Amino acid sequence: SVMMDTLKFNDYLSKLDSLNAYCNKRYVHLLIVPYPEFDEFSMSVTAKYINRYLCREITKKGLDCMDIYPALQRAHLKSYTANSSDNHINATASKYVADTLLSYLHLRGLVKD
């Protein structure tokens, strides 16, 4: 719903700017990783475009954004959530996210072995 309301979405982006400024003062790298909706329809149809749009808008603000959707899609999981009534990401999907995030951080030189 935030993305559908221009004022709320701009406020969201502004808050990310503030959070990034806070992190920069403390020499902390902020990486934003928007999670898609995990229902079957979203993962099959809309999440690709929504996550791409979010990361593009976040990156336009000079913030670092990683689109996790492609990695989750490549995982070809039967389910991405803990259960049908709990939309939290499950252990298998979490492993894909963690592995992808670690690779991203290595490529950016943000972590060392």
Protein backbone atom coordinates (compact mmCIF):
# COMPACT_ATOMS: atom_id res chain seq x y z
CA SER A 1 0.00 0.00 0.00
CA VAL A 2 2.93 2.36 0.59
CA MET A 3 4.03 2.07 -3.03
CA MET A 4 0.57 3.05 -4.25
CA ASP A 5 0.61 6.31 -2.30
CA THR A 6 3.19 8.77 -3.65
CA LEU A 7 3.45 10.73 -0.41
CA LYS A 8 3.92 7.63 1.72
CA PHE A 9 6.45 6.17 -0.71
CA ASN A 10 8.48 9.39 -0.79
CA ASP A 11 8.34 9.45 3.02
CA TYR A 12 9.61 5.85 3.04
CA LEU A 13 12.53 6.81 0.79
CA SER A 14 13.25 9.85 2.95
CA LYS A 15 13.40 7.64 6.05
CA LEU A 16 15.88 5.38 4.27
CA ASP A 17 18.00 8.49 3.58
CA SER A 18 17.92 9.36 7.27
CA LEU A 19 18.82 5.82 8.27
CA ASN A 20 21.71 5.85 5.80
CA ALA A 21 23.00 9.16 7.20
CA TYR A 22 22.87 7.67 10.70
CA CYS A 23 24.83 4.62 9.51
CA ASN A 24 27.39 6.71 7.64
CA LYS A 25 28.17 8.71 10.80
CA ARG A 26 29.03 5.43 12.47
CA TYR A 27 30.96 4.00 9.51
CA VAL A 28 28.31 1.33 8.94
CA HIS A 29 27.37 0.30 5.42
CA LEU A 30 23.60 0.16 4.97
CA LEU A 31 22.36 -2.44 2.52
CA ILE A 32 18.63 -2.51 1.85
CA VAL A 33 17.16 -5.86 0.84
CA PRO A 34 13.45 -5.61 0.00
CA TYR A 35 11.68 -8.92 0.38
CA PRO A 36 8.95 -9.82 -2.10
CA GLU A 37 5.50 -11.04 -1.18
CA PHE A 38 5.89 -14.79 -0.92
CA ASP A 39 2.49 -16.02 -2.10
CA GLU A 40 2.50 -18.13 -5.25
CA PHE A 41 0.97 -15.44 -7.47
CA SER A 42 3.45 -12.78 -6.38
CA MET A 43 6.47 -15.04 -6.76
CA SER A 44 5.27 -16.10 -10.22
CA VAL A 45 4.01 -12.78 -11.59
CA THR A 46 4.47 -9.51 -9.69
CA ALA A 47 7.45 -9.76 -7.31
CA LYS A 48 10.04 -9.53 -10.08
CA TYR A 49 8.77 -6.13 -11.18
CA ILE A 50 8.00 -4.75 -7.75
CA ASN A 51 11.42 -5.62 -6.34
CA ARG A 52 13.18 -4.32 -9.45
CA TYR A 53 11.27 -1.02 -9.15
CA LEU A 54 11.99 -0.71 -5.43
CA CYS A 55 15.71 -1.28 -5.87
CA ARG A 56 15.86 1.13 -8.79
CA GLU A 57 14.17 3.89 -6.74
CA ILE A 58 16.32 3.18 -3.69
CA THR A 59 19.49 3.18 -5.80
CA LYS A 60 18.48 6.51 -7.39
CA LYS A 61 18.72 7.95 -3.87
CA GLY A 62 22.35 6.81 -3.70
CA LEU A 63 21.56 3.93 -1.37
CA ASP A 64 22.78 0.36 -1.75
CA CYS A 65 19.99 -2.08 -2.57
CA MET A 66 20.15 -5.79 -3.32
CA ASP A 67 17.26 -7.39 -5.19
CA ILE A 68 16.87 -10.78 -3.52
CA TYR A 69 14.03 -11.88 -5.80
CA PRO A 70 16.21 -13.46 -8.55
CA ALA A 71 18.01 -15.69 -6.04
CA LEU A 72 14.76 -16.80 -4.45
CA GLN A 73 13.24 -17.48 -7.85
CA ARG A 74 16.25 -19.59 -8.88
CA ALA A 75 15.80 -21.63 -5.71
CA HIS A 76 12.53 -23.05 -7.14
CA LEU A 77 11.17 -23.72 -3.66
CA LYS A 78 7.76 -25.22 -3.15
CA SER A 79 7.21 -22.73 -0.34
CA TYR A 80 9.08 -19.65 0.83
CA THR A 81 7.26 -19.08 4.11
CA ALA A 82 7.14 -20.82 7.48
CA ASN A 83 3.56 -21.96 6.83
CA SER A 84 0.39 -20.81 5.10
CA SER A 85 -0.63 -18.51 7.96
CA ASP A 86 2.87 -17.18 8.75
CA ASN A 87 4.46 -15.06 6.02
CA HIS A 88 7.92 -15.18 7.63
CA ILE A 89 10.59 -16.67 5.40
CA ASN A 90 11.33 -20.35 6.07
CA ALA A 91 14.73 -21.93 6.84
CA THR A 92 15.41 -23.11 3.28
CA ALA A 93 14.66 -19.72 1.75
CA SER A 94 16.68 -18.05 4.52
CA LYS A 95 19.72 -20.11 3.50
CA TYR A 96 19.39 -18.88 -0.09
CA VAL A 97 19.12 -15.31 1.13
CA ALA A 98 22.14 -15.69 3.43
CA ASP A 99 24.30 -17.29 0.72
CA THR A 100 23.30 -14.63 -1.81
CA LEU A 101 23.90 -11.82 0.65
CA LEU A 102 27.33 -13.16 1.57
CA SER A 103 28.32 -13.40 -2.11
CA TYR A 104 27.07 -9.84 -2.70
CA LEU A 105 29.05 -8.52 0.25
CA HIS A 106 32.21 -10.33 -0.92
CA LEU A 107 31.84 -8.90 -4.44
CA ARG A 108 31.48 -5.40 -2.98
CA GLY A 109 34.53 -5.87 -0.77
CA LEU A 110 32.42 -5.34 2.34
CA VAL A 111 33.49 -8.59 4.01
CA LYS A 112 36.72 -10.54 3.94
CA ASP A 113 37.38 -14.21 4.59
